[in-house]
Amino acid sequence: MRGAVVVELSDRSGTVVHRQRQGNRIVLSGRRLVADMFAGTGSGGTPTKVTHVGVGTDGTPPADGQTALLAERSPRSPISQVDVQNVVEGQDSDTVQRSRVSLTAVFDFDQANGTEPLREAAVFTADADGVMYNRVLLDSVSKTNAFKLTVLWDIVF
């Protein structure tokens, strides 16, 4: 499994004024979530799907043991679009067929604003608490009410 995120800031006319792409770390709690879903096990009942994206301001690099954003700016945004596709990677006789899940969440003009830049993002199984699947360290993103933030996440299995 591996993931990558694209973060875009758009102004009120819809023009993308900032775009960045970052690879992310699928943390231990996220790997366990997938293993529990596969096995039909897990503490506290049946594991649930990812439903929300959170953003925050902490610039600490991602680590396997992290289970939450380090300085989350609430509220989280619900995942508004999910697309699953089969993809082929590699060349010639060294190709592998994989599944790619693409998730989209939008923080509108009045959401996730603040004076401190956004530096982290993650995917969660709930709008509060829940299991954090992954965490990414972003280049600083200044989010104000002049911009809408779109988060496009690809996870390849």
Protein backbone atom coordinates (compact mmCIF):
# COMPACT_ATOMS: atom_id res chain seq x y z
CA MET A 1 0.00 0.00 0.00
CA ARG A 2 1.11 3.52 -0.68
CA GLY A 3 -0.53 6.87 -0.97
CA ALA A 4 -0.07 10.34 -2.36
CA VAL A 5 -2.03 13.53 -1.90
CA VAL A 6 -2.63 16.54 -4.11
CA VAL A 7 -3.65 19.75 -2.34
CA GLU A 8 -5.09 22.63 -4.35
CA LEU A 9 -6.06 26.14 -3.28
CA SER A 10 -8.63 27.81 -5.53
CA ASP A 11 -9.76 31.41 -5.41
CA ARG A 12 -13.41 32.48 -5.67
CA SER A 13 -13.24 32.54 -9.47
CA GLY A 14 -12.18 28.86 -9.47
CA THR A 15 -8.58 29.52 -10.47
CA VAL A 16 -6.09 27.15 -8.84
CA VAL A 17 -3.51 29.42 -7.21
CA HIS A 18 -1.46 26.75 -5.42
CA ARG A 19 -0.97 23.04 -6.09
CA GLN A 20 1.32 20.51 -4.47
CA ARG A 21 1.71 16.73 -4.53
CA GLN A 22 3.20 14.77 -1.63
CA GLY A 23 3.70 11.11 -0.86
CA ASN A 24 2.34 10.08 2.51
CA ARG A 25 2.97 7.55 5.26
CA ILE A 26 0.35 4.93 5.90
CA VAL A 27 0.67 4.69 9.67
CA LEU A 28 0.42 1.53 11.76
CA SER A 29 -3.20 2.23 12.76
CA GLY A 30 -4.07 2.51 9.04
CA ARG A 31 -2.30 -0.72 8.12
CA ARG A 32 -4.10 -2.42 11.01
CA LEU A 33 -7.43 -1.00 9.81
CA VAL A 34 -6.94 -2.62 6.40
CA ALA A 35 -5.78 -5.91 7.97
CA ASP A 36 -8.83 -5.95 10.28
CA MET A 37 -11.18 -5.19 7.37
CA PHE A 38 -9.60 -8.01 5.37
CA ALA A 39 -9.85 -10.47 8.26
CA GLY A 40 -13.21 -9.24 9.57
CA THR A 41 -11.69 -8.65 12.99
CA GLY A 42 -10.83 -5.71 15.17
CA SER A 43 -11.29 -4.39 18.63
CA GLY A 44 -14.51 -2.54 19.30
CA GLY A 45 -16.51 -4.18 16.52
CA THR A 46 -16.28 -4.26 12.76
CA PRO A 47 -13.72 -1.85 11.27
CA THR A 48 -15.26 1.00 9.26
CA LYS A 49 -14.30 2.73 6.04
CA VAL A 50 -12.55 6.08 5.86
CA THR A 51 -14.98 9.01 5.78
CA HIS A 52 -13.18 12.29 6.53
CA VAL A 53 -10.01 14.28 5.83
CA GLY A 54 -8.41 16.39 8.52
CA VAL A 55 -5.80 19.12 8.26
CA GLY A 56 -3.51 20.66 10.84
CA THR A 57 -0.60 22.96 11.47
CA ASP A 58 2.16 20.78 12.97
CA GLY A 59 5.30 20.28 10.87
CA THR A 60 6.61 17.16 12.62
CA PRO A 61 7.42 14.39 10.09
CA PRO A 62 4.99 11.45 9.94
CA ALA A 63 5.81 8.36 12.02
CA ASP A 64 4.26 4.88 12.21
CA GLY A 65 2.98 5.26 15.77
CA GLN A 66 1.02 8.47 15.22
CA THR A 67 -2.75 8.02 15.65
CA ALA A 68 -3.91 11.64 15.23
CA LEU A 69 -2.88 14.87 13.60
CA LEU A 70 -0.56 16.72 15.95
CA ALA A 71 -2.28 20.13 15.70
CA GLU A 72 -5.62 19.51 13.98
CA ARG A 73 -7.68 22.44 12.75
CA SER A 74 -11.32 21.37 13.09
CA PRO A 75 -13.69 20.45 11.72
CA ARG A 76 -12.73 17.61 9.41
CA SER A 77 -14.19 17.58 5.92
CA PRO A 78 -16.27 14.62 4.74
CA ILE A 79 -14.98 12.66 1.77
CA SER A 80 -17.24 13.82 -1.03
CA GLN A 81 -16.09 11.54 -3.83
CA VAL A 82 -14.62 8.03 -4.00
CA ASP A 83 -13.39 6.40 -7.20
CA VAL A 84 -11.91 2.88 -7.44
CA GLN A 85 -9.97 1.85 -10.56
CA ASN A 86 -7.72 -0.96 -11.64
CA VAL A 87 -4.32 0.31 -12.77
CA VAL A 88 -1.29 -1.36 -14.34
CA GLU A 89 2.20 -0.50 -13.13
CA GLY A 90 5.54 -1.43 -14.60
CA GLN A 91 6.67 -2.19 -18.11
CA ASP A 92 6.84 -5.15 -20.48
CA SER A 93 6.87 -8.48 -18.60
CA ASP A 94 7.29 -6.76 -15.23
CA THR A 95 3.76 -5.36 -14.92
CA VAL A 96 1.52 -5.57 -11.87
CA GLN A 97 -2.21 -4.93 -11.76
CA ARG A 98 -3.24 -2.88 -8.73
CA SER A 99 -6.32 -1.15 -7.35
CA ARG A 100 -6.29 2.60 -6.82
CA VAL A 101 -8.78 4.35 -4.55
CA SER A 102 -9.09 8.09 -5.13
CA LEU A 103 -10.70 10.22 -2.41
CA THR A 104 -11.74 13.87 -2.59
CA ALA A 105 -12.57 16.23 0.27
CA VAL A 106 -13.17 19.98 0.09
CA PHE A 107 -12.61 22.61 2.76
CA ASP A 108 -14.81 25.48 1.60
CA PHE A 109 -13.97 29.18 1.85
CA ASP A 110 -15.19 29.41 5.46
CA GLN A 111 -13.48 26.21 6.70
CA ALA A 112 -9.97 25.41 8.06
CA ASN A 113 -8.93 29.08 8.08
CA GLY A 114 -6.28 30.48 10.39
CA THR A 115 -3.16 32.57 10.64
CA GLU A 116 -0.82 29.59 11.02
CA PRO A 117 -0.24 27.67 7.74
CA LEU A 118 -1.48 24.14 7.25
CA ARG A 119 1.41 21.62 7.37
CA GLU A 120 -0.27 18.22 7.86
CA ALA A 121 -3.23 16.20 6.58
CA ALA A 122 -4.71 12.76 7.20
CA VAL A 123 -7.61 10.45 6.35
CA PHE A 124 -9.90 9.25 9.18
CA THR A 125 -12.80 6.85 9.79
CA ALA A 126 -14.92 9.48 11.57
CA ASP A 127 -15.58 13.21 11.83
CA ALA A 128 -14.04 13.17 15.32
CA ASP A 129 -11.70 10.64 16.88
CA GLY A 130 -11.87 7.49 14.70
CA VAL A 131 -8.87 5.69 13.22
CA MET A 132 -6.24 7.72 11.38
CA TYR A 133 -5.25 5.85 8.21
CA ASN A 134 -2.31 7.97 7.07
CA ARG A 135 -0.52 11.27 7.61
CA VAL A 136 1.30 13.57 5.24
CA LEU A 137 3.58 16.52 5.84
CA LEU A 138 2.70 19.38 3.49
CA ASP A 139 4.63 22.36 2.25
CA SER A 140 3.04 25.30 4.08
CA VAL A 141 -0.44 26.18 2.83
CA SER A 142 -1.97 29.48 3.96
CA LYS A 143 -5.73 28.90 4.12
CA THR A 144 -7.97 31.96 4.48
CA ASN A 145 -11.57 32.70 3.51
CA ALA A 146 -10.30 33.85 0.10
CA PHE A 147 -9.55 30.23 -0.87
CA LYS A 148 -11.17 26.83 -1.10
CA LEU A 149 -8.89 23.86 -0.32
CA THR A 150 -9.38 20.63 -2.28
CA VAL A 151 -7.62 17.49 -1.09
CA LEU A 152 -7.26 14.66 -3.65
CA TRP A 153 -5.88 11.46 -2.17
CA ASP A 154 -4.78 8.35 -4.09
CA ILE A 155 -4.08 5.08 -2.28
CA VAL A 156 -2.73 2.17 -4.30
CA PHE A 157 -3.13 -1.46 -3.20
